[in-house]
N, C-alpha and C. Protein backbone atom coordinates (compact mmCIF):
# COMPACT_ATOMS: atom_id res chain seq x y z
N UNK A 1 0.83 -1.19 0.00
CA UNK A 1 0.00 0.00 0.00
C UNK A 1 0.87 1.25 0.00
N UNK A 2 0.51 2.21 -0.81
CA UNK A 2 1.26 3.47 -0.87
C UNK A 2 0.62 4.48 0.06
N UNK A 3 1.44 5.46 0.45
CA UNK A 3 0.93 6.50 1.33
C UNK A 3 1.62 7.82 1.00
N UNK A 4 1.05 8.91 1.51
CA UNK A 4 1.70 10.22 1.42
C UNK A 4 2.72 10.24 2.54
N UNK A 5 3.95 10.63 2.23
CA UNK A 5 5.04 10.54 3.20
C UNK A 5 5.09 11.74 4.15
N UNK A 6 4.89 12.95 3.62
CA UNK A 6 5.06 14.14 4.46
C UNK A 6 4.09 15.23 4.06
N UNK A 7 3.99 16.25 4.93
CA UNK A 7 3.17 17.41 4.62
C UNK A 7 1.76 17.28 5.17
N UNK A 8 0.84 18.11 4.62
CA UNK A 8 -0.51 18.18 5.18
C UNK A 8 -1.31 16.90 5.01
N UNK A 9 -0.99 16.07 4.04
CA UNK A 9 -1.73 14.80 3.83
C UNK A 9 -0.93 13.59 4.34
N UNK A 10 0.05 13.86 5.16
CA UNK A 10 0.95 12.82 5.67
C UNK A 10 0.21 11.60 6.20
N UNK A 11 0.73 10.43 5.86
CA UNK A 11 0.26 9.11 6.30
C UNK A 11 -1.05 8.65 5.66
N UNK A 12 -1.67 9.48 4.83
CA UNK A 12 -2.92 9.04 4.19
C UNK A 12 -2.58 7.98 3.14
N UNK A 13 -3.31 6.87 3.20
CA UNK A 13 -3.10 5.77 2.24
C UNK A 13 -3.62 6.18 0.87
N UNK A 14 -2.90 5.79 -0.17
CA UNK A 14 -3.31 6.08 -1.54
C UNK A 14 -3.69 4.80 -2.26
N UNK A 15 -4.69 4.90 -3.12
CA UNK A 15 -5.10 3.77 -3.94
C UNK A 15 -4.13 3.66 -5.12
N UNK A 16 -3.94 2.43 -5.59
CA UNK A 16 -3.20 2.21 -6.83
C UNK A 16 -4.07 1.33 -7.70
N UNK A 17 -3.81 1.34 -8.99
CA UNK A 17 -4.60 0.47 -9.85
C UNK A 17 -3.95 -0.90 -9.89
N UNK A 18 -4.77 -1.94 -9.89
CA UNK A 18 -4.21 -3.30 -9.90
C UNK A 18 -3.52 -3.60 -11.24
N UNK A 19 -2.61 -4.55 -11.22
CA UNK A 19 -1.94 -4.97 -12.45
C UNK A 19 -0.59 -4.30 -12.62
N UNK A 20 0.03 -4.57 -13.75
CA UNK A 20 1.39 -4.09 -13.99
C UNK A 20 1.45 -2.94 -14.99
N UNK A 21 0.30 -2.33 -15.31
CA UNK A 21 0.30 -1.21 -16.25
C UNK A 21 0.98 0.02 -15.68
N UNK A 22 0.91 0.18 -14.36
CA UNK A 22 1.63 1.28 -13.72
C UNK A 22 2.63 0.68 -12.75
N UNK A 23 3.72 1.41 -12.51
CA UNK A 23 4.72 0.98 -11.55
C UNK A 23 4.78 2.03 -10.46
N UNK A 24 4.03 1.87 -9.38
CA UNK A 24 4.07 2.90 -8.34
C UNK A 24 5.49 3.08 -7.82
N UNK A 25 5.89 4.33 -7.66
CA UNK A 25 7.20 4.63 -7.11
C UNK A 25 7.19 4.23 -5.63
N UNK A 26 8.18 3.46 -5.21
CA UNK A 26 8.21 2.99 -3.82
C UNK A 26 8.37 4.17 -2.87
N UNK A 27 7.91 3.98 -1.63
CA UNK A 27 8.02 5.05 -0.63
C UNK A 27 9.47 5.50 -0.44
N UNK A 28 10.38 4.55 -0.48
CA UNK A 28 11.79 4.89 -0.26
C UNK A 28 12.33 5.78 -1.38
N UNK A 29 12.01 5.42 -2.62
CA UNK A 29 12.46 6.23 -3.76
C UNK A 29 11.76 7.59 -3.75
N UNK A 30 10.45 7.57 -3.42
CA UNK A 30 9.68 8.82 -3.36
C UNK A 30 10.27 9.75 -2.29
N UNK A 31 10.65 9.17 -1.15
CA UNK A 31 11.24 9.98 -0.08
C UNK A 31 12.57 10.61 -0.53
N UNK A 32 13.41 9.84 -1.20
CA UNK A 32 14.68 10.36 -1.73
C UNK A 32 14.42 11.48 -2.73
N UNK A 33 13.48 11.23 -3.65
CA UNK A 33 13.13 12.23 -4.67
C UNK A 33 12.69 13.53 -4.00
N UNK A 34 11.80 13.44 -3.01
CA UNK A 34 11.28 14.66 -2.40
C UNK A 34 12.27 15.32 -1.45
N UNK A 35 13.23 14.59 -0.92
CA UNK A 35 14.31 15.24 -0.17
C UNK A 35 15.11 16.14 -1.11
N UNK A 36 15.25 15.72 -2.36
CA UNK A 36 15.94 16.53 -3.37
C UNK A 36 15.07 17.71 -3.81
N UNK A 37 13.78 17.45 -4.03
CA UNK A 37 12.86 18.48 -4.54
C UNK A 37 12.40 19.50 -3.50
N UNK A 38 12.41 19.13 -2.23
CA UNK A 38 11.80 19.96 -1.17
C UNK A 38 12.14 21.45 -1.26
N UNK A 39 13.42 21.84 -1.44
CA UNK A 39 13.72 23.28 -1.48
C UNK A 39 13.05 24.00 -2.66
N UNK A 40 12.63 23.27 -3.67
CA UNK A 40 12.04 23.86 -4.88
C UNK A 40 10.52 23.90 -4.85
N UNK A 41 9.89 23.23 -3.89
CA UNK A 41 8.45 22.96 -3.96
C UNK A 41 7.52 24.08 -3.56
N UNK A 42 7.88 24.89 -2.60
CA UNK A 42 6.93 25.83 -2.02
C UNK A 42 6.33 26.78 -3.06
N UNK A 43 5.00 26.78 -3.12
CA UNK A 43 4.21 27.67 -3.98
C UNK A 43 4.51 27.49 -5.48
N UNK A 44 4.89 26.29 -5.87
CA UNK A 44 5.20 26.04 -7.27
C UNK A 44 4.00 25.47 -8.02
N UNK A 45 4.11 25.49 -9.33
CA UNK A 45 3.15 24.83 -10.21
C UNK A 45 3.84 23.58 -10.73
N UNK A 46 3.21 22.44 -10.51
CA UNK A 46 3.81 21.12 -10.72
C UNK A 46 3.04 20.39 -11.82
N UNK A 47 3.75 19.86 -12.79
CA UNK A 47 3.13 19.08 -13.87
C UNK A 47 3.56 17.63 -13.72
N UNK A 48 2.59 16.74 -13.53
CA UNK A 48 2.85 15.31 -13.33
C UNK A 48 2.37 14.57 -14.58
N UNK A 49 3.32 14.19 -15.43
CA UNK A 49 3.00 13.50 -16.70
C UNK A 49 3.08 11.99 -16.51
N UNK A 50 2.21 11.26 -17.18
CA UNK A 50 2.12 9.81 -17.01
C UNK A 50 1.89 9.54 -15.51
N UNK A 51 0.84 10.13 -14.95
CA UNK A 51 0.64 10.22 -13.50
C UNK A 51 0.39 8.93 -12.77
N UNK A 52 -0.16 7.91 -13.43
CA UNK A 52 -0.48 6.67 -12.72
C UNK A 52 -1.50 6.93 -11.64
N UNK A 53 -1.17 6.63 -10.38
CA UNK A 53 -2.09 6.83 -9.26
C UNK A 53 -2.11 8.28 -8.78
N UNK A 54 -1.17 9.09 -9.28
CA UNK A 54 -1.08 10.49 -8.86
C UNK A 54 -0.22 10.71 -7.63
N UNK A 55 0.45 9.67 -7.16
CA UNK A 55 1.19 9.73 -5.90
C UNK A 55 2.26 10.82 -5.89
N UNK A 56 2.95 11.04 -7.00
CA UNK A 56 4.04 12.03 -7.02
C UNK A 56 3.47 13.45 -6.93
N UNK A 57 2.48 13.76 -7.76
CA UNK A 57 1.86 15.09 -7.71
C UNK A 57 1.17 15.35 -6.38
N UNK A 58 0.55 14.33 -5.81
CA UNK A 58 -0.11 14.47 -4.50
C UNK A 58 0.93 14.73 -3.41
N UNK A 59 2.05 14.04 -3.47
CA UNK A 59 3.13 14.29 -2.51
C UNK A 59 3.61 15.74 -2.63
N UNK A 60 3.74 16.23 -3.87
CA UNK A 60 4.16 17.62 -4.09
C UNK A 60 3.15 18.59 -3.48
N UNK A 61 1.86 18.34 -3.70
CA UNK A 61 0.81 19.19 -3.12
C UNK A 61 0.86 19.15 -1.59
N UNK A 62 1.01 17.97 -1.05
CA UNK A 62 1.05 17.80 0.40
C UNK A 62 2.21 18.58 1.02
N UNK A 63 3.30 18.72 0.26
CA UNK A 63 4.51 19.37 0.78
C UNK A 63 4.62 20.85 0.43
N UNK A 64 3.54 21.46 -0.06
CA UNK A 64 3.57 22.92 -0.24
C UNK A 64 3.49 23.43 -1.65
N UNK A 65 3.41 22.56 -2.61
CA UNK A 65 3.22 22.97 -3.99
C UNK A 65 1.83 23.64 -4.09
N UNK A 66 1.72 24.69 -4.87
CA UNK A 66 0.47 25.47 -4.94
C UNK A 66 -0.57 24.82 -5.83
N UNK A 67 -0.13 24.23 -6.94
CA UNK A 67 -1.05 23.70 -7.94
C UNK A 67 -0.38 22.54 -8.67
N UNK A 68 -1.12 21.47 -8.92
CA UNK A 68 -0.57 20.34 -9.68
C UNK A 68 -1.54 19.95 -10.78
N UNK A 69 -0.98 19.68 -11.93
CA UNK A 69 -1.76 19.16 -13.06
C UNK A 69 -1.30 17.72 -13.29
N UNK A 70 -2.29 16.83 -13.31
CA UNK A 70 -2.04 15.40 -13.50
C UNK A 70 -2.48 15.03 -14.91
N UNK A 71 -1.60 14.38 -15.67
CA UNK A 71 -1.93 13.94 -17.02
C UNK A 71 -1.81 12.42 -17.07
N UNK A 72 -2.93 11.79 -17.38
CA UNK A 72 -2.98 10.33 -17.44
C UNK A 72 -4.03 9.91 -18.45
N UNK A 73 -3.70 8.90 -19.24
CA UNK A 73 -4.57 8.42 -20.32
C UNK A 73 -5.44 7.24 -19.91
N UNK A 74 -5.01 6.50 -18.90
CA UNK A 74 -5.70 5.28 -18.48
C UNK A 74 -6.90 5.65 -17.59
N UNK A 75 -8.10 5.30 -18.04
CA UNK A 75 -9.33 5.69 -17.33
C UNK A 75 -9.34 5.20 -15.88
N UNK A 76 -8.89 3.97 -15.65
CA UNK A 76 -8.84 3.41 -14.29
C UNK A 76 -7.88 4.21 -13.40
N UNK A 77 -6.75 4.61 -13.97
CA UNK A 77 -5.76 5.40 -13.23
C UNK A 77 -6.32 6.79 -12.92
N UNK A 78 -7.03 7.38 -13.87
CA UNK A 78 -7.63 8.71 -13.65
C UNK A 78 -8.63 8.66 -12.50
N UNK A 79 -9.42 7.61 -12.45
CA UNK A 79 -10.38 7.43 -11.36
C UNK A 79 -9.63 7.32 -10.03
N UNK A 80 -8.52 6.61 -10.04
CA UNK A 80 -7.66 6.44 -8.87
C UNK A 80 -7.09 7.80 -8.42
N UNK A 81 -6.62 8.61 -9.36
CA UNK A 81 -6.09 9.95 -9.05
C UNK A 81 -7.18 10.78 -8.37
N UNK A 82 -8.36 10.80 -8.98
CA UNK A 82 -9.47 11.60 -8.42
C UNK A 82 -9.81 11.13 -7.00
N UNK A 83 -9.87 9.82 -6.79
CA UNK A 83 -10.15 9.28 -5.44
C UNK A 83 -9.06 9.68 -4.45
N UNK A 84 -7.80 9.59 -4.90
CA UNK A 84 -6.67 9.95 -4.02
C UNK A 84 -6.67 11.43 -3.68
N UNK A 85 -7.03 12.27 -4.65
CA UNK A 85 -7.11 13.71 -4.39
C UNK A 85 -8.22 14.01 -3.38
N UNK A 86 -9.34 13.29 -3.55
CA UNK A 86 -10.48 13.50 -2.64
C UNK A 86 -10.11 13.08 -1.22
N UNK A 87 -9.52 11.90 -1.05
CA UNK A 87 -9.23 11.42 0.31
C UNK A 87 -8.09 12.21 0.98
N UNK A 88 -7.25 12.87 0.20
CA UNK A 88 -6.19 13.71 0.78
C UNK A 88 -6.65 15.16 0.94
N UNK A 89 -7.87 15.45 0.45
CA UNK A 89 -8.45 16.81 0.51
C UNK A 89 -7.58 17.83 -0.24
N UNK A 90 -7.02 17.38 -1.37
CA UNK A 90 -6.16 18.26 -2.17
C UNK A 90 -6.77 18.59 -3.54
N UNK A 91 -8.01 18.18 -3.78
CA UNK A 91 -8.66 18.36 -5.09
C UNK A 91 -8.69 19.80 -5.57
N UNK A 92 -8.89 20.74 -4.65
CA UNK A 92 -9.03 22.14 -5.07
C UNK A 92 -7.73 22.73 -5.62
N UNK A 93 -6.62 22.04 -5.41
CA UNK A 93 -5.32 22.51 -5.92
C UNK A 93 -4.85 21.68 -7.12
N UNK A 94 -5.77 20.91 -7.69
CA UNK A 94 -5.37 19.97 -8.74
C UNK A 94 -6.28 20.04 -9.95
N UNK A 95 -5.68 19.74 -11.10
CA UNK A 95 -6.42 19.56 -12.34
C UNK A 95 -6.00 18.21 -12.89
N UNK A 96 -6.98 17.40 -13.28
CA UNK A 96 -6.69 16.09 -13.85
C UNK A 96 -7.10 16.12 -15.32
N UNK A 97 -6.17 15.80 -16.18
CA UNK A 97 -6.44 15.77 -17.62
C UNK A 97 -6.37 14.33 -18.10
N UNK A 98 -7.50 13.82 -18.58
CA UNK A 98 -7.56 12.44 -19.07
C UNK A 98 -7.33 12.44 -20.59
N UNK A 99 -6.08 12.55 -20.96
CA UNK A 99 -5.68 12.57 -22.37
C UNK A 99 -4.27 11.97 -22.46
N UNK A 100 -3.85 11.70 -23.68
CA UNK A 100 -2.45 11.30 -23.84
C UNK A 100 -1.59 12.54 -23.59
N UNK A 101 -0.35 12.33 -23.22
CA UNK A 101 0.54 13.41 -22.81
C UNK A 101 0.70 14.47 -23.90
N UNK A 102 0.81 14.07 -25.15
CA UNK A 102 1.08 15.03 -26.23
C UNK A 102 -0.12 15.95 -26.47
N UNK A 103 -1.32 15.40 -26.39
CA UNK A 103 -2.54 16.21 -26.51
C UNK A 103 -2.65 17.15 -25.31
N UNK A 104 -2.37 16.63 -24.12
CA UNK A 104 -2.45 17.43 -22.90
C UNK A 104 -1.47 18.61 -22.96
N UNK A 105 -0.26 18.38 -23.44
CA UNK A 105 0.73 19.46 -23.55
C UNK A 105 0.21 20.56 -24.46
N UNK A 106 -0.41 20.16 -25.56
CA UNK A 106 -1.00 21.13 -26.50
C UNK A 106 -2.09 21.95 -25.81
N UNK A 107 -2.97 21.28 -25.07
CA UNK A 107 -4.06 21.96 -24.36
C UNK A 107 -3.49 22.95 -23.34
N UNK A 108 -2.53 22.49 -22.55
CA UNK A 108 -1.95 23.34 -21.51
C UNK A 108 -1.25 24.56 -22.12
N UNK A 109 -0.57 24.37 -23.25
CA UNK A 109 0.06 25.50 -23.95
C UNK A 109 -0.99 26.50 -24.41
N UNK A 110 -2.07 25.99 -24.99
CA UNK A 110 -3.12 26.89 -25.49
C UNK A 110 -3.78 27.66 -24.35
N UNK A 111 -3.73 27.12 -23.13
CA UNK A 111 -4.28 27.80 -21.95
C UNK A 111 -3.25 28.73 -21.30
N UNK A 112 -2.04 28.79 -21.85
CA UNK A 112 -1.01 29.68 -21.33
C UNK A 112 -0.40 29.25 -20.01
N UNK A 113 -0.46 27.97 -19.72
CA UNK A 113 0.09 27.46 -18.45
C UNK A 113 1.62 27.43 -18.51
N UNK A 114 2.24 27.54 -17.33
CA UNK A 114 3.69 27.43 -17.21
C UNK A 114 3.99 26.75 -15.88
N UNK A 115 4.99 25.88 -15.86
CA UNK A 115 5.26 25.06 -14.69
C UNK A 115 6.68 25.26 -14.17
N UNK A 116 6.81 25.15 -12.85
CA UNK A 116 8.11 25.28 -12.19
C UNK A 116 8.82 23.94 -12.09
N UNK A 117 8.02 22.87 -11.96
CA UNK A 117 8.57 21.52 -11.90
C UNK A 117 7.73 20.63 -12.81
N UNK A 118 8.41 19.87 -13.65
CA UNK A 118 7.74 18.87 -14.50
C UNK A 118 8.32 17.52 -14.10
N UNK A 119 7.43 16.59 -13.74
CA UNK A 119 7.86 15.24 -13.41
C UNK A 119 7.23 14.30 -14.42
N UNK A 120 8.01 13.36 -14.94
CA UNK A 120 7.42 12.35 -15.83
C UNK A 120 7.97 10.98 -15.51
N UNK A 121 7.06 10.02 -15.54
CA UNK A 121 7.40 8.62 -15.29
C UNK A 121 6.74 7.81 -16.40
N UNK A 122 7.26 7.95 -17.63
CA UNK A 122 6.62 7.25 -18.76
C UNK A 122 6.89 5.76 -18.73
N UNK A 123 6.12 4.99 -19.51
CA UNK A 123 6.43 3.55 -19.63
C UNK A 123 7.90 3.41 -20.03
N UNK A 124 8.59 2.49 -19.39
CA UNK A 124 10.03 2.33 -19.63
C UNK A 124 10.30 1.80 -21.04
N UNK A 125 11.43 2.29 -21.58
CA UNK A 125 12.00 1.81 -22.84
C UNK A 125 11.06 1.95 -24.04
N UNK A 126 10.22 2.99 -24.02
CA UNK A 126 9.32 3.29 -25.15
C UNK A 126 9.67 4.63 -25.79
N UNK A 127 10.69 5.31 -25.27
CA UNK A 127 11.21 6.58 -25.80
C UNK A 127 10.26 7.76 -25.63
N UNK A 128 9.23 7.62 -24.78
CA UNK A 128 8.33 8.76 -24.55
C UNK A 128 9.08 9.94 -23.94
N UNK A 129 10.02 9.66 -23.01
CA UNK A 129 10.73 10.77 -22.36
C UNK A 129 11.48 11.59 -23.40
N UNK A 130 12.04 10.94 -24.41
CA UNK A 130 12.78 11.65 -25.46
C UNK A 130 11.84 12.57 -26.25
N UNK A 131 10.67 12.03 -26.62
CA UNK A 131 9.69 12.83 -27.38
C UNK A 131 9.16 14.00 -26.55
N UNK A 132 8.88 13.74 -25.27
CA UNK A 132 8.35 14.80 -24.41
C UNK A 132 9.41 15.88 -24.18
N UNK A 133 10.65 15.48 -23.94
CA UNK A 133 11.73 16.45 -23.73
C UNK A 133 11.96 17.29 -24.98
N UNK A 134 11.87 16.66 -26.13
CA UNK A 134 12.02 17.42 -27.38
C UNK A 134 10.90 18.46 -27.49
N UNK A 135 9.69 18.04 -27.18
CA UNK A 135 8.52 18.92 -27.25
C UNK A 135 8.64 20.07 -26.25
N UNK A 136 9.06 19.75 -25.03
CA UNK A 136 9.16 20.78 -23.99
C UNK A 136 10.28 21.79 -24.25
N UNK A 137 11.33 21.37 -24.96
CA UNK A 137 12.50 22.23 -25.17
C UNK A 137 12.14 23.54 -25.86
N UNK A 138 11.06 23.54 -26.65
CA UNK A 138 10.65 24.77 -27.33
C UNK A 138 9.25 25.20 -26.90
N UNK A 139 8.87 24.80 -25.70
CA UNK A 139 7.50 25.02 -25.23
C UNK A 139 7.41 26.18 -24.25
N UNK A 140 6.27 26.86 -24.27
CA UNK A 140 5.99 27.94 -23.31
C UNK A 140 5.58 27.37 -21.95
N UNK A 141 5.48 26.05 -21.84
CA UNK A 141 5.08 25.42 -20.59
C UNK A 141 6.19 25.45 -19.53
N UNK A 142 7.42 25.69 -19.98
CA UNK A 142 8.54 25.75 -19.03
C UNK A 142 9.25 27.09 -19.17
N UNK A 143 9.94 27.49 -18.11
CA UNK A 143 10.73 28.72 -18.12
C UNK A 143 12.19 28.36 -17.81
N UNK A 144 13.06 29.33 -17.79
CA UNK A 144 14.49 29.06 -17.66
C UNK A 144 14.87 28.35 -16.37
N UNK A 145 14.04 28.48 -15.33
CA UNK A 145 14.36 27.84 -14.05
C UNK A 145 13.56 26.56 -13.78
N UNK A 146 12.73 26.15 -14.75
CA UNK A 146 11.93 24.94 -14.56
C UNK A 146 12.85 23.74 -14.35
N UNK A 147 12.51 22.95 -13.34
CA UNK A 147 13.23 21.70 -13.10
C UNK A 147 12.40 20.57 -13.70
N UNK A 148 13.02 19.78 -14.55
CA UNK A 148 12.35 18.63 -15.16
C UNK A 148 12.98 17.37 -14.58
N UNK A 149 12.12 16.48 -14.09
CA UNK A 149 12.60 15.23 -13.50
C UNK A 149 12.03 14.08 -14.31
N UNK A 150 12.90 13.20 -14.78
CA UNK A 150 12.48 12.03 -15.54
C UNK A 150 12.81 10.78 -14.74
N UNK A 151 11.80 9.94 -14.52
CA UNK A 151 12.04 8.62 -13.93
C UNK A 151 12.16 7.65 -15.10
N UNK A 152 13.22 6.87 -15.12
CA UNK A 152 13.48 5.98 -16.26
C UNK A 152 14.20 4.72 -15.79
N UNK A 153 14.22 3.73 -16.66
CA UNK A 153 14.96 2.51 -16.35
C UNK A 153 16.46 2.84 -16.32
N UNK A 154 17.24 2.02 -15.65
CA UNK A 154 18.68 2.28 -15.54
C UNK A 154 19.36 2.34 -16.90
N UNK A 155 18.85 1.55 -17.86
CA UNK A 155 19.52 1.51 -19.16
C UNK A 155 19.07 2.61 -20.14
N UNK A 156 18.12 3.46 -19.73
CA UNK A 156 17.65 4.53 -20.62
C UNK A 156 18.81 5.46 -20.97
N UNK A 157 18.97 5.71 -22.24
CA UNK A 157 20.06 6.55 -22.76
C UNK A 157 19.61 8.01 -22.81
N UNK A 158 20.39 8.88 -22.20
CA UNK A 158 20.10 10.32 -22.23
C UNK A 158 21.24 11.09 -22.90
N UNK A 159 21.99 10.42 -23.78
CA UNK A 159 23.15 11.07 -24.41
C UNK A 159 22.74 12.23 -25.32
N UNK A 160 21.50 12.27 -25.74
CA UNK A 160 20.99 13.31 -26.64
C UNK A 160 20.64 14.61 -25.90
N UNK A 161 20.66 14.60 -24.59
CA UNK A 161 20.05 15.64 -23.77
C UNK A 161 20.58 17.04 -24.08
N UNK A 162 21.89 17.18 -24.25
CA UNK A 162 22.46 18.51 -24.52
C UNK A 162 22.05 19.03 -25.88
N UNK A 163 21.88 18.13 -26.85
CA UNK A 163 21.46 18.58 -28.19
C UNK A 163 20.03 19.11 -28.17
N UNK A 164 19.25 18.79 -27.13
CA UNK A 164 17.89 19.31 -26.98
C UNK A 164 17.87 20.61 -26.17
N UNK A 165 19.07 21.05 -25.72
CA UNK A 165 19.16 22.31 -25.00
C UNK A 165 19.05 22.19 -23.48
N UNK A 166 19.27 20.99 -22.95
CA UNK A 166 19.17 20.79 -21.50
C UNK A 166 20.54 20.50 -20.90
N UNK A 167 20.66 20.76 -19.61
CA UNK A 167 21.79 20.31 -18.82
C UNK A 167 21.26 19.32 -17.80
N UNK A 168 22.00 18.24 -17.57
CA UNK A 168 21.66 17.34 -16.47
C UNK A 168 22.26 17.97 -15.22
N UNK A 169 21.40 18.36 -14.26
CA UNK A 169 21.90 19.01 -13.05
C UNK A 169 22.11 18.00 -11.92
N UNK A 170 21.49 16.84 -12.07
CA UNK A 170 21.67 15.80 -11.06
C UNK A 170 21.15 14.48 -11.62
N UNK A 171 21.73 13.40 -11.17
CA UNK A 171 21.26 12.06 -11.54
C UNK A 171 21.30 11.20 -10.29
N UNK A 172 20.22 10.48 -10.04
CA UNK A 172 20.16 9.61 -8.86
C UNK A 172 19.74 8.23 -9.32
N UNK A 173 20.63 7.23 -9.14
CA UNK A 173 20.32 5.86 -9.54
C UNK A 173 19.91 5.04 -8.33
N UNK A 174 18.93 4.17 -8.55
CA UNK A 174 18.46 3.24 -7.52
C UNK A 174 18.73 1.83 -8.04
N UNK A 175 18.21 0.82 -7.38
CA UNK A 175 18.46 -0.56 -7.82
C UNK A 175 17.87 -0.85 -9.19
N UNK A 176 16.66 -0.35 -9.44
CA UNK A 176 15.94 -0.73 -10.67
C UNK A 176 15.67 0.42 -11.62
N UNK A 177 15.86 1.66 -11.18
CA UNK A 177 15.57 2.80 -12.05
C UNK A 177 16.41 4.00 -11.64
N UNK A 178 16.13 5.15 -12.25
CA UNK A 178 16.89 6.35 -11.93
C UNK A 178 16.03 7.59 -12.15
N UNK A 179 16.46 8.69 -11.52
CA UNK A 179 15.87 10.00 -11.75
C UNK A 179 16.94 10.88 -12.38
N UNK A 180 16.56 11.55 -13.45
CA UNK A 180 17.44 12.52 -14.11
C UNK A 180 16.81 13.89 -13.89
N UNK A 181 17.58 14.85 -13.40
CA UNK A 181 17.10 16.21 -13.13
C UNK A 181 17.69 17.13 -14.18
N UNK A 182 16.84 17.86 -14.89
CA UNK A 182 17.27 18.66 -16.02
C UNK A 182 16.80 20.12 -15.90
N UNK A 183 17.57 21.01 -16.48
CA UNK A 183 17.13 22.40 -16.69
C UNK A 183 17.57 22.81 -18.08
N UNK A 184 16.83 23.78 -18.64
CA UNK A 184 17.20 24.35 -19.94
C UNK A 184 18.54 25.08 -19.76
N UNK A 185 19.40 24.97 -20.77
CA UNK A 185 20.72 25.65 -20.72
C UNK A 185 20.54 27.15 -20.70
């Protein structure tokens, strides 16, 4: 069972969808991630792409993020996100978009949205992170100080990153996956 680790929704249990379509980030990895993100979180706008159960965006909201947008295509996962937002009492600070990530990015751009932190946990080894990073590199959705965090398998290649105009500011490897922290050059 997953839970919110810290902040106003601390210890509240979160629902996950059954099966292997989503890989919930373990509490230990989530805690490490948020120890890194904590100084950046207060009053930020957070974009959670490939949201799954919404646990990452909900953790950000619980820890002081002002607004989070959750993007998820799987209907069951979207229902899970909405339930989790309701039980953590964080719904009023959240927007859930039930679309594929590329359509959602287009919608958010047309609405003039801009984010301080973008987190993505796409299906592993499908190259979605590469396509999304390429799209974001010329997007109004991010600004010069936006922190982009990608959760990926250990073998995911990020050698192209500088050619897309990003710098890797930090990399954290775990047993089965890694987080790459990026900013625009």
